[in-house]
Amino acid sequence: MLTLYDADRCPYCARVRIVLAEKGLQYETVVVDLDDRPAWMYEKNPLGRVPVLEEGAFVLPESAVIMEYLEERHPEPPLWPADPAERAAGRLLVERFDQLSGPYYALRRGEEAARERLGDQLARLDALLAGQLFLTGRDFGIADAAYLPWILRAESMLGVDLEAHPALAEWVDRAGERPSVAAETALLAAR
């Protein structure tokens, strides 16, 4: 049985929850209080961060790595496209995710010009989505799961308006029809 060391508010955990739901995988949850991390959490991940996935004696931290592991371990349904170029483009987005997360966290900290920097990254994603349905390509996949938690939180928690980014807003709506994303949206609404 899979065990996910999780925190509801953590967008990195949300990535993994979305992939687990897309794969239809059952798992147990161990909730970690991010304001008072237990000492044993550092045994699971020396950085003390969630998410951590455990399968038997195998323990794996870091959301991007966990998503790839789940894709390889449970290949159906596939969350990367069959086309190598589309797969590479999606992986490049995940690799460069800090281009979005940097301005997002700067805005959360109230740094000057962070809203503008985040807007620039949203415009970049909007331009990409003007030419394709999902960040992963023609179908929903790992790149979408990697970005959605931050976009959802930017809207609900930071007051970011996606009106200036119509393709991005349509992508959020399209993705929100999926049960995996709807569950995350409901979780945010409950907070």
N, C-alpha and C. Protein backbone atom coordinates (compact mmCIF):
# COMPACT_ATOMS: atom_id res chain seq x y z
N MET A 1 0.84 -1.18 0.00
CA MET A 1 0.00 0.00 0.00
C MET A 1 0.88 1.24 0.00
N LEU A 2 0.49 2.22 -0.77
CA LEU A 2 1.18 3.50 -0.81
C LEU A 2 0.78 4.35 0.39
N THR A 3 1.75 5.07 0.92
CA THR A 3 1.49 6.03 1.98
C THR A 3 2.02 7.38 1.52
N LEU A 4 1.20 8.40 1.65
CA LEU A 4 1.60 9.75 1.30
C LEU A 4 1.69 10.59 2.57
N TYR A 5 2.86 11.12 2.84
CA TYR A 5 3.06 12.09 3.93
C TYR A 5 2.70 13.44 3.32
N ASP A 6 1.67 14.05 3.85
CA ASP A 6 0.92 15.07 3.14
C ASP A 6 0.57 16.23 4.05
N ALA A 7 0.30 17.38 3.44
CA ALA A 7 -0.25 18.55 4.12
C ALA A 7 -1.22 19.20 3.14
N ASP A 8 -2.46 19.36 3.57
CA ASP A 8 -3.50 19.89 2.68
C ASP A 8 -3.10 21.19 2.00
N ARG A 9 -2.46 22.08 2.74
CA ARG A 9 -2.18 23.41 2.20
C ARG A 9 -0.99 23.45 1.24
N CYS A 10 -0.22 22.39 1.19
CA CYS A 10 1.01 22.37 0.40
C CYS A 10 0.74 22.11 -1.08
N PRO A 11 1.10 23.04 -1.97
CA PRO A 11 0.87 22.81 -3.39
C PRO A 11 1.74 21.67 -3.96
N TYR A 12 2.90 21.43 -3.36
CA TYR A 12 3.72 20.31 -3.82
C TYR A 12 3.01 18.99 -3.54
N CYS A 13 2.35 18.90 -2.40
CA CYS A 13 1.55 17.70 -2.10
C CYS A 13 0.37 17.60 -3.05
N ALA A 14 -0.24 18.74 -3.38
CA ALA A 14 -1.38 18.74 -4.30
C ALA A 14 -0.99 18.14 -5.64
N ARG A 15 0.21 18.43 -6.11
CA ARG A 15 0.70 17.82 -7.36
C ARG A 15 0.58 16.30 -7.30
N VAL A 16 1.08 15.75 -6.21
CA VAL A 16 1.12 14.30 -6.06
C VAL A 16 -0.30 13.75 -5.89
N ARG A 17 -1.13 14.44 -5.13
CA ARG A 17 -2.52 13.98 -4.97
C ARG A 17 -3.24 13.94 -6.32
N ILE A 18 -3.00 14.94 -7.17
CA ILE A 18 -3.62 14.96 -8.50
C ILE A 18 -3.16 13.75 -9.31
N VAL A 19 -1.87 13.48 -9.31
CA VAL A 19 -1.36 12.33 -10.08
C VAL A 19 -1.90 11.02 -9.52
N LEU A 20 -1.92 10.88 -8.20
CA LEU A 20 -2.48 9.66 -7.60
C LEU A 20 -3.94 9.48 -8.03
N ALA A 21 -4.70 10.55 -8.03
CA ALA A 21 -6.11 10.46 -8.44
C ALA A 21 -6.24 10.13 -9.92
N GLU A 22 -5.40 10.75 -10.75
CA GLU A 22 -5.45 10.46 -12.18
C GLU A 22 -5.12 9.00 -12.47
N LYS A 23 -4.23 8.44 -11.68
CA LYS A 23 -3.84 7.03 -11.85
C LYS A 23 -4.84 6.08 -11.19
N GLY A 24 -5.75 6.64 -10.39
CA GLY A 24 -6.73 5.80 -9.70
C GLY A 24 -6.11 4.95 -8.62
N LEU A 25 -5.05 5.46 -8.00
CA LEU A 25 -4.31 4.69 -6.99
C LEU A 25 -4.85 4.98 -5.59
N GLN A 26 -5.02 3.92 -4.82
CA GLN A 26 -5.42 4.04 -3.43
C GLN A 26 -4.16 4.28 -2.59
N TYR A 27 -4.30 5.08 -1.55
CA TYR A 27 -3.16 5.35 -0.68
C TYR A 27 -3.66 5.77 0.69
N GLU A 28 -2.79 5.58 1.66
CA GLU A 28 -3.05 6.07 3.01
C GLU A 28 -2.37 7.42 3.15
N THR A 29 -2.95 8.26 3.98
CA THR A 29 -2.40 9.59 4.19
C THR A 29 -1.91 9.73 5.62
N VAL A 30 -0.71 10.28 5.78
CA VAL A 30 -0.21 10.68 7.09
C VAL A 30 -0.09 12.20 7.01
N VAL A 31 -0.92 12.89 7.78
CA VAL A 31 -0.93 14.34 7.76
C VAL A 31 0.24 14.87 8.59
N VAL A 32 0.97 15.80 8.00
CA VAL A 32 2.12 16.42 8.66
C VAL A 32 1.78 17.88 8.93
N ASP A 33 1.93 18.30 10.18
CA ASP A 33 1.70 19.68 10.57
C ASP A 33 2.93 20.50 10.16
N LEU A 34 2.77 21.34 9.16
CA LEU A 34 3.91 22.10 8.64
C LEU A 34 4.40 23.16 9.62
N ASP A 35 3.56 23.53 10.58
CA ASP A 35 3.97 24.51 11.59
C ASP A 35 4.70 23.87 12.76
N ASP A 36 4.62 22.55 12.86
CA ASP A 36 5.27 21.81 13.94
C ASP A 36 5.67 20.43 13.42
N ARG A 37 6.67 20.42 12.55
CA ARG A 37 7.07 19.18 11.89
C ARG A 37 7.65 18.20 12.89
N PRO A 38 7.14 16.98 12.88
CA PRO A 38 7.66 15.99 13.81
C PRO A 38 9.10 15.60 13.45
N ALA A 39 9.87 15.23 14.44
CA ALA A 39 11.27 14.85 14.22
C ALA A 39 11.39 13.69 13.25
N TRP A 40 10.43 12.74 13.29
CA TRP A 40 10.51 11.59 12.40
C TRP A 40 10.39 11.97 10.93
N MET A 41 9.84 13.17 10.64
CA MET A 41 9.72 13.60 9.25
C MET A 41 11.10 13.75 8.61
N TYR A 42 12.08 14.13 9.42
CA TYR A 42 13.44 14.31 8.91
C TYR A 42 14.10 12.96 8.61
N GLU A 43 13.56 11.89 9.14
CA GLU A 43 14.03 10.56 8.78
C GLU A 43 13.48 10.16 7.42
N LYS A 44 12.29 10.62 7.10
CA LYS A 44 11.66 10.34 5.80
C LYS A 44 12.28 11.20 4.70
N ASN A 45 12.55 12.45 5.04
CA ASN A 45 13.17 13.39 4.12
C ASN A 45 14.09 14.29 4.94
N PRO A 46 15.40 14.20 4.74
CA PRO A 46 16.33 15.01 5.54
C PRO A 46 16.03 16.51 5.50
N LEU A 47 15.31 16.99 4.47
CA LEU A 47 14.94 18.40 4.40
C LEU A 47 13.68 18.69 5.21
N GLY A 48 13.01 17.64 5.68
CA GLY A 48 11.81 17.80 6.49
C GLY A 48 10.58 18.22 5.71
N ARG A 49 10.66 18.15 4.38
CA ARG A 49 9.56 18.63 3.54
C ARG A 49 8.63 17.51 3.13
N VAL A 50 7.39 17.89 2.87
CA VAL A 50 6.41 17.02 2.25
C VAL A 50 6.27 17.47 0.80
N PRO A 51 5.81 16.61 -0.07
CA PRO A 51 5.32 15.26 0.15
C PRO A 51 6.46 14.26 0.20
N VAL A 52 6.14 13.14 0.82
CA VAL A 52 6.99 11.95 0.78
C VAL A 52 6.07 10.79 0.48
N LEU A 53 6.48 9.96 -0.46
CA LEU A 53 5.72 8.76 -0.81
C LEU A 53 6.47 7.56 -0.28
N GLU A 54 5.74 6.66 0.34
CA GLU A 54 6.35 5.44 0.89
C GLU A 54 5.60 4.25 0.30
N GLU A 55 6.36 3.29 -0.15
CA GLU A 55 5.80 2.04 -0.65
C GLU A 55 6.65 0.92 -0.08
N GLY A 56 6.13 0.28 0.96
CA GLY A 56 6.94 -0.71 1.67
C GLY A 56 8.12 -0.02 2.30
N ALA A 57 9.32 -0.54 2.03
CA ALA A 57 10.54 0.05 2.58
C ALA A 57 11.07 1.19 1.72
N PHE A 58 10.49 1.38 0.55
CA PHE A 58 10.94 2.42 -0.38
C PHE A 58 10.33 3.76 0.01
N VAL A 59 11.18 4.77 0.23
CA VAL A 59 10.75 6.10 0.64
C VAL A 59 11.28 7.11 -0.37
N LEU A 60 10.36 7.95 -0.90
CA LEU A 60 10.74 8.88 -1.96
C LEU A 60 10.19 10.27 -1.68
N PRO A 61 11.08 11.26 -1.49
CA PRO A 61 10.63 12.65 -1.35
C PRO A 61 10.65 13.37 -2.70
N GLU A 62 10.19 14.59 -2.70
CA GLU A 62 10.22 15.54 -3.83
C GLU A 62 9.14 15.25 -4.86
N SER A 63 8.22 16.19 -4.98
CA SER A 63 7.02 15.99 -5.79
C SER A 63 7.30 15.67 -7.25
N ALA A 64 8.24 16.36 -7.88
CA ALA A 64 8.52 16.11 -9.30
C ALA A 64 9.03 14.68 -9.50
N VAL A 65 9.85 14.21 -8.59
CA VAL A 65 10.38 12.85 -8.67
C VAL A 65 9.28 11.84 -8.38
N ILE A 66 8.44 12.14 -7.41
CA ILE A 66 7.33 11.25 -7.08
C ILE A 66 6.39 11.11 -8.28
N MET A 67 6.08 12.22 -8.94
CA MET A 67 5.20 12.15 -10.11
C MET A 67 5.78 11.26 -11.19
N GLU A 68 7.08 11.39 -11.45
CA GLU A 68 7.74 10.55 -12.46
C GLU A 68 7.74 9.08 -12.04
N TYR A 69 7.99 8.84 -10.76
CA TYR A 69 7.98 7.47 -10.24
C TYR A 69 6.61 6.83 -10.44
N LEU A 70 5.56 7.57 -10.09
CA LEU A 70 4.21 7.03 -10.24
C LEU A 70 3.89 6.75 -11.70
N GLU A 71 4.36 7.60 -12.59
CA GLU A 71 4.14 7.39 -14.03
C GLU A 71 4.83 6.12 -14.51
N GLU A 72 6.04 5.90 -14.04
CA GLU A 72 6.78 4.71 -14.47
C GLU A 72 6.26 3.44 -13.79
N ARG A 73 5.94 3.55 -12.53
CA ARG A 73 5.48 2.38 -11.77
C ARG A 73 4.07 1.96 -12.16
N HIS A 74 3.25 2.95 -12.52
CA HIS A 74 1.84 2.71 -12.88
C HIS A 74 1.57 3.41 -14.21
N PRO A 75 2.00 2.83 -15.32
CA PRO A 75 1.96 3.53 -16.60
C PRO A 75 0.56 3.77 -17.19
N GLU A 76 -0.45 3.16 -16.64
CA GLU A 76 -1.81 3.37 -17.16
C GLU A 76 -2.67 4.10 -16.15
N PRO A 77 -3.41 5.08 -16.53
CA PRO A 77 -3.34 5.75 -17.82
C PRO A 77 -2.08 6.62 -17.90
N PRO A 78 -1.53 6.76 -19.09
CA PRO A 78 -0.29 7.54 -19.23
C PRO A 78 -0.54 9.03 -18.99
N LEU A 79 0.39 9.65 -18.28
CA LEU A 79 0.30 11.08 -18.03
C LEU A 79 1.40 11.87 -18.75
N TRP A 80 2.17 11.18 -19.55
CA TRP A 80 3.08 11.82 -20.51
C TRP A 80 2.64 11.37 -21.89
N PRO A 81 2.73 12.25 -22.89
CA PRO A 81 2.35 11.88 -24.25
C PRO A 81 3.29 10.83 -24.83
N ALA A 82 2.79 10.09 -25.80
CA ALA A 82 3.62 9.08 -26.48
C ALA A 82 4.69 9.74 -27.35
N ASP A 83 4.40 10.93 -27.85
CA ASP A 83 5.33 11.63 -28.73
C ASP A 83 6.52 12.15 -27.93
N PRO A 84 7.75 11.78 -28.32
CA PRO A 84 8.94 12.19 -27.56
C PRO A 84 9.11 13.71 -27.47
N ALA A 85 8.77 14.43 -28.52
CA ALA A 85 8.92 15.89 -28.51
C ALA A 85 7.93 16.51 -27.51
N GLU A 86 6.69 16.04 -27.51
CA GLU A 86 5.70 16.54 -26.55
C GLU A 86 6.11 16.20 -25.12
N ARG A 87 6.63 14.99 -24.92
CA ARG A 87 7.09 14.58 -23.59
C ARG A 87 8.22 15.49 -23.12
N ALA A 88 9.17 15.75 -24.03
CA ALA A 88 10.32 16.59 -23.68
C ALA A 88 9.86 18.01 -23.35
N ALA A 89 8.93 18.55 -24.12
CA ALA A 89 8.43 19.90 -23.86
C ALA A 89 7.75 19.97 -22.49
N GLY A 90 6.98 18.94 -22.15
CA GLY A 90 6.34 18.90 -20.84
C GLY A 90 7.34 18.79 -19.71
N ARG A 91 8.35 17.96 -19.91
CA ARG A 91 9.39 17.81 -18.88
C ARG A 91 10.18 19.10 -18.69
N LEU A 92 10.38 19.83 -19.79
CA LEU A 92 11.08 21.10 -19.71
C LEU A 92 10.28 22.10 -18.87
N LEU A 93 8.97 22.09 -19.03
CA LEU A 93 8.13 22.96 -18.19
C LEU A 93 8.30 22.62 -16.71
N VAL A 94 8.28 21.33 -16.39
CA VAL A 94 8.45 20.92 -15.00
C VAL A 94 9.84 21.32 -14.50
N GLU A 95 10.84 21.14 -15.32
CA GLU A 95 12.22 21.50 -14.96
C GLU A 95 12.33 22.99 -14.66
N ARG A 96 11.62 23.80 -15.42
CA ARG A 96 11.70 25.26 -15.28
C ARG A 96 10.57 25.83 -14.42
N PHE A 97 9.97 25.00 -13.63
CA PHE A 97 8.84 25.42 -12.80
C PHE A 97 9.17 26.60 -11.91
N ASP A 98 10.41 26.72 -11.47
CA ASP A 98 10.79 27.80 -10.56
C ASP A 98 10.58 29.18 -11.19
N GLN A 99 10.44 29.25 -12.51
CA GLN A 99 10.13 30.53 -13.15
C GLN A 99 8.75 31.03 -12.72
N LEU A 100 7.86 30.12 -12.38
CA LEU A 100 6.55 30.49 -11.84
C LEU A 100 6.57 30.55 -10.32
N SER A 101 7.17 29.56 -9.70
CA SER A 101 7.11 29.49 -8.24
C SER A 101 7.89 30.64 -7.58
N GLY A 102 8.98 31.08 -8.18
CA GLY A 102 9.74 32.20 -7.61
C GLY A 102 8.88 33.44 -7.44
N PRO A 103 8.25 33.93 -8.52
CA PRO A 103 7.38 35.11 -8.38
C PRO A 103 6.15 34.84 -7.50
N TYR A 104 5.61 33.62 -7.54
CA TYR A 104 4.46 33.27 -6.71
C TYR A 104 4.81 33.45 -5.22
N TYR A 105 5.93 32.86 -4.80
CA TYR A 105 6.31 32.97 -3.39
C TYR A 105 6.75 34.39 -3.03
N ALA A 106 7.33 35.10 -3.98
CA ALA A 106 7.68 36.51 -3.74
C ALA A 106 6.41 37.32 -3.49
N LEU A 107 5.35 37.04 -4.24
CA LEU A 107 4.08 37.73 -4.02
C LEU A 107 3.50 37.37 -2.66
N ARG A 108 3.60 36.11 -2.29
CA ARG A 108 3.11 35.71 -0.96
C ARG A 108 3.85 36.44 0.15
N ARG A 109 5.14 36.71 -0.08
CA ARG A 109 5.94 37.44 0.93
C ARG A 109 5.72 38.95 0.84
N GLY A 110 4.98 39.41 -0.17
CA GLY A 110 4.70 40.83 -0.32
C GLY A 110 5.83 41.63 -0.94
N GLU A 111 6.69 40.97 -1.69
CA GLU A 111 7.83 41.67 -2.30
C GLU A 111 7.36 42.60 -3.42
N GLU A 112 8.05 43.70 -3.52
CA GLU A 112 7.74 44.70 -4.53
C GLU A 112 7.92 44.10 -5.93
N ALA A 113 7.04 44.42 -6.82
CA ALA A 113 7.06 44.01 -8.23
C ALA A 113 6.81 42.51 -8.44
N ALA A 114 6.50 41.78 -7.37
CA ALA A 114 6.27 40.34 -7.52
C ALA A 114 5.01 40.06 -8.34
N ARG A 115 3.96 40.86 -8.16
CA ARG A 115 2.72 40.65 -8.91
C ARG A 115 2.99 40.79 -10.41
N GLU A 116 3.81 41.76 -10.78
CA GLU A 116 4.16 41.96 -12.20
C GLU A 116 4.98 40.78 -12.72
N ARG A 117 5.93 40.33 -11.93
CA ARG A 117 6.76 39.18 -12.36
C ARG A 117 5.90 37.93 -12.51
N LEU A 118 4.96 37.72 -11.58
CA LEU A 118 4.06 36.59 -11.71
C LEU A 118 3.18 36.75 -12.94
N GLY A 119 2.71 37.97 -13.19
CA GLY A 119 1.92 38.23 -14.39
C GLY A 119 2.67 37.91 -15.66
N ASP A 120 3.95 38.19 -15.68
CA ASP A 120 4.78 37.85 -16.85
C ASP A 120 4.81 36.34 -17.07
N GLN A 121 4.92 35.58 -15.99
CA GLN A 121 4.95 34.11 -16.11
C GLN A 121 3.58 33.57 -16.52
N LEU A 122 2.53 34.17 -16.00
CA LEU A 122 1.18 33.75 -16.41
C LEU A 122 0.97 34.06 -17.89
N ALA A 123 1.50 35.19 -18.37
CA ALA A 123 1.39 35.53 -19.80
C ALA A 123 2.15 34.51 -20.66
N ARG A 124 3.28 34.04 -20.16
CA ARG A 124 4.06 33.01 -20.88
C ARG A 124 3.25 31.73 -21.00
N LEU A 125 2.63 31.32 -19.90
CA LEU A 125 1.79 30.11 -19.92
C LEU A 125 0.57 30.32 -20.81
N ASP A 126 -0.01 31.51 -20.76
CA ASP A 126 -1.17 31.82 -21.59
C ASP A 126 -0.82 31.68 -23.07
N ALA A 127 0.34 32.20 -23.46
CA ALA A 127 0.76 32.10 -24.86
C ALA A 127 0.95 30.64 -25.27
N LEU A 128 1.52 29.84 -24.39
CA LEU A 128 1.70 28.42 -24.68
C LEU A 128 0.35 27.72 -24.83
N LEU A 129 -0.58 28.04 -23.93
CA LEU A 129 -1.89 27.39 -23.95
C LEU A 129 -2.79 27.91 -25.07
N ALA A 130 -2.43 29.01 -25.69
CA ALA A 130 -3.19 29.49 -26.85
C ALA A 130 -3.05 28.53 -28.02
N GLY A 131 -1.98 27.70 -27.99
CA GLY A 131 -1.73 26.77 -29.09
C GLY A 131 -1.95 25.31 -28.76
N GLN A 132 -2.33 25.00 -27.52
CA GLN A 132 -2.55 23.61 -27.14
C GLN A 132 -3.51 23.56 -25.96
N LEU A 133 -4.19 22.43 -25.80
CA LEU A 133 -5.22 22.30 -24.77
C LEU A 133 -4.65 22.23 -23.36
N PHE A 134 -3.51 21.55 -23.21
CA PHE A 134 -2.93 21.33 -21.90
C PHE A 134 -1.44 21.61 -21.93
N LEU A 135 -0.86 21.88 -20.77
CA LEU A 135 0.59 22.09 -20.71
C LEU A 135 1.35 20.84 -21.13
N THR A 136 0.77 19.67 -20.87
CA THR A 136 1.42 18.42 -21.25
C THR A 136 1.24 18.14 -22.74
N GLY A 137 0.41 18.88 -23.42
CA GLY A 137 0.19 18.69 -24.86
C GLY A 137 -1.29 18.59 -25.16
N ARG A 138 -1.64 17.56 -25.90
CA ARG A 138 -3.05 17.38 -26.31
C ARG A 138 -3.92 16.87 -25.18
N ASP A 139 -3.31 16.21 -24.21
CA ASP A 139 -4.07 15.61 -23.10
C ASP A 139 -3.51 16.09 -21.76
N PHE A 140 -4.36 16.04 -20.74
CA PHE A 140 -3.95 16.38 -19.38
C PHE A 140 -2.85 15.43 -18.93
N GLY A 141 -1.87 15.95 -18.21
CA GLY A 141 -0.79 15.10 -17.73
C GLY A 141 0.04 15.74 -16.63
N ILE A 142 1.24 15.26 -16.51
CA ILE A 142 2.12 15.64 -15.40
C ILE A 142 2.45 17.13 -15.38
N ALA A 143 2.72 17.73 -16.53
CA ALA A 143 3.03 19.17 -16.53
C ALA A 143 1.84 19.98 -16.00
N ASP A 144 0.63 19.55 -16.33
CA ASP A 144 -0.56 20.23 -15.83
C ASP A 144 -0.66 20.08 -14.31
N ALA A 145 -0.47 18.86 -13.83
CA ALA A 145 -0.50 18.60 -12.39
C ALA A 145 0.59 19.41 -11.67
N ALA A 146 1.72 19.62 -12.35
CA ALA A 146 2.83 20.35 -11.74
C ALA A 146 2.52 21.83 -11.53
N TYR A 147 1.73 22.43 -12.41
CA TYR A 147 1.47 23.88 -12.35
C TYR A 147 0.14 24.25 -11.69
N LEU A 148 -0.87 23.43 -11.85
CA LEU A 148 -2.21 23.80 -11.40
C LEU A 148 -2.30 24.21 -9.93
N PRO A 149 -1.66 23.52 -9.00
CA PRO A 149 -1.83 23.93 -7.60
C PRO A 149 -1.44 25.38 -7.33
N TRP A 150 -0.45 25.89 -8.00
CA TRP A 150 -0.02 27.26 -7.79
C TRP A 150 -0.97 28.25 -8.46
N ILE A 151 -1.46 27.91 -9.63
CA ILE A 151 -2.41 28.79 -10.31
C ILE A 151 -3.70 28.88 -9.49
N LEU A 152 -4.19 27.73 -9.01
CA LEU A 152 -5.39 27.73 -8.18
C LEU A 152 -5.20 28.56 -6.92
N ARG A 153 -4.04 28.44 -6.28
CA ARG A 153 -3.76 29.19 -5.06
C ARG A 153 -3.54 30.67 -5.35
N ALA A 154 -2.94 30.98 -6.50
CA ALA A 154 -2.75 32.39 -6.86
C ALA A 154 -4.11 33.08 -6.99
N GLU A 155 -5.08 32.38 -7.57
CA GLU A 155 -6.44 32.93 -7.70
C GLU A 155 -7.12 33.05 -6.34
N SER A 156 -7.16 31.94 -5.61
CA SER A 156 -7.97 31.91 -4.39
C SER A 156 -7.32 32.59 -3.19
N MET A 157 -6.01 32.56 -3.10
CA MET A 157 -5.35 33.09 -1.91
C MET A 157 -4.65 34.43 -2.13
N LEU A 158 -4.24 34.69 -3.37
CA LEU A 158 -3.47 35.91 -3.63
C LEU A 158 -4.24 36.92 -4.47
N GLY A 159 -5.48 36.58 -4.83
CA GLY A 159 -6.30 37.52 -5.59
C GLY A 159 -5.83 37.78 -7.00
N VAL A 160 -5.12 36.83 -7.59
CA VAL A 160 -4.66 36.98 -8.96
C VAL A 160 -5.84 36.73 -9.89
N ASP A 161 -6.08 37.67 -10.80
CA ASP A 161 -7.18 37.58 -11.75
C ASP A 161 -6.63 37.06 -13.08
N LEU A 162 -7.24 36.00 -13.57
CA LEU A 162 -6.77 35.40 -14.83
C LEU A 162 -7.45 36.01 -16.05
N GLU A 163 -8.27 37.04 -15.86
CA GLU A 163 -9.00 37.65 -16.98
C GLU A 163 -8.07 38.09 -18.11
N ALA A 164 -6.90 38.58 -17.78
CA ALA A 164 -5.94 39.04 -18.80
C ALA A 164 -5.27 37.87 -19.52
N HIS A 165 -5.55 36.66 -19.07
CA HIS A 165 -4.92 35.47 -19.62
C HIS A 165 -6.01 34.46 -20.01
N PRO A 166 -6.73 34.72 -21.09
CA PRO A 166 -7.91 33.89 -21.41
C PRO A 166 -7.60 32.42 -21.68
N ALA A 167 -6.51 32.12 -22.36
CA ALA A 167 -6.18 30.71 -22.63
C ALA A 167 -5.84 29.99 -21.33
N LEU A 168 -5.16 30.69 -20.44
CA LEU A 168 -4.83 30.12 -19.13
C LEU A 168 -6.10 29.89 -18.31
N ALA A 169 -7.00 30.86 -18.33
CA ALA A 169 -8.27 30.72 -17.60
C ALA A 169 -9.09 29.55 -18.16
N GLU A 170 -9.11 29.40 -19.48
CA GLU A 170 -9.83 28.27 -20.09
C GLU A 170 -9.20 26.95 -19.70
N TRP A 171 -7.88 26.92 -19.61
CA TRP A 171 -7.17 25.70 -19.18
C TRP A 171 -7.55 25.34 -17.75
N VAL A 172 -7.59 26.35 -16.88
CA VAL A 172 -7.98 26.10 -15.48
C VAL A 172 -9.40 25.53 -15.45
N ASP A 173 -10.30 26.12 -16.22
CA ASP A 173 -11.68 25.62 -16.27
C ASP A 173 -11.74 24.19 -16.82
N ARG A 174 -11.01 23.94 -17.90
CA ARG A 174 -10.98 22.61 -18.51
C ARG A 174 -10.42 21.58 -17.53
N ALA A 175 -9.34 21.92 -16.89
CA ALA A 175 -8.72 21.01 -15.92
C ALA A 175 -9.63 20.81 -14.72
N GLY A 176 -10.35 21.87 -14.33
CA GLY A 176 -11.23 21.80 -13.18
C GLY A 176 -12.39 20.84 -13.34
N GLU A 177 -12.66 20.42 -14.56
CA GLU A 177 -13.71 19.43 -14.82
C GLU A 177 -13.25 18.02 -14.46
N ARG A 178 -11.96 17.84 -14.29
CA ARG A 178 -11.42 16.54 -13.93
C ARG A 178 -11.62 16.32 -12.42
N PRO A 179 -12.04 15.14 -12.01
CA PRO A 179 -12.23 14.88 -10.58
C PRO A 179 -10.98 15.14 -9.74
N SER A 180 -9.80 14.85 -10.29
CA SER A 180 -8.56 15.06 -9.54
C SER A 180 -8.33 16.52 -9.20
N VAL A 181 -8.66 17.41 -10.13
CA VAL A 181 -8.47 18.85 -9.92
C VAL A 181 -9.64 19.42 -9.13
N ALA A 182 -10.84 18.93 -9.40
CA ALA A 182 -12.02 19.39 -8.65
C ALA A 182 -11.84 19.12 -7.15
N ALA A 183 -11.23 17.99 -6.82
CA ALA A 183 -10.97 17.67 -5.41
C ALA A 183 -10.03 18.70 -4.79
N GLU A 184 -9.02 19.12 -5.52
CA GLU A 184 -8.09 20.14 -5.01
C GLU A 184 -8.78 21.49 -4.87
N THR A 185 -9.63 21.82 -5.82
CA THR A 185 -10.37 23.08 -5.75
C THR A 185 -11.29 23.09 -4.54
N ALA A 186 -11.94 21.97 -4.29
CA ALA A 186 -12.83 21.85 -3.12
C ALA A 186 -12.02 21.97 -1.82
N LEU A 187 -10.84 21.37 -1.80
CA LEU A 187 -9.97 21.45 -0.62
C LEU A 187 -9.58 22.90 -0.34
N LEU A 188 -9.27 23.65 -1.40
CA LEU A 188 -8.92 25.07 -1.22
C LEU A 188 -10.11 25.87 -0.74
N ALA A 189 -11.28 25.58 -1.28
CA ALA A 189 -12.48 26.31 -0.89
C ALA A 189 -12.84 26.07 0.58
N ALA A 190 -12.48 24.90 1.08
CA ALA A 190 -12.79 24.54 2.47
C ALA A 190 -11.85 25.23 3.47
N ARG A 191 -10.76 25.78 2.99
CA ARG A 191 -9.77 26.40 3.88
C ARG A 191 -10.17 27.78 4.29
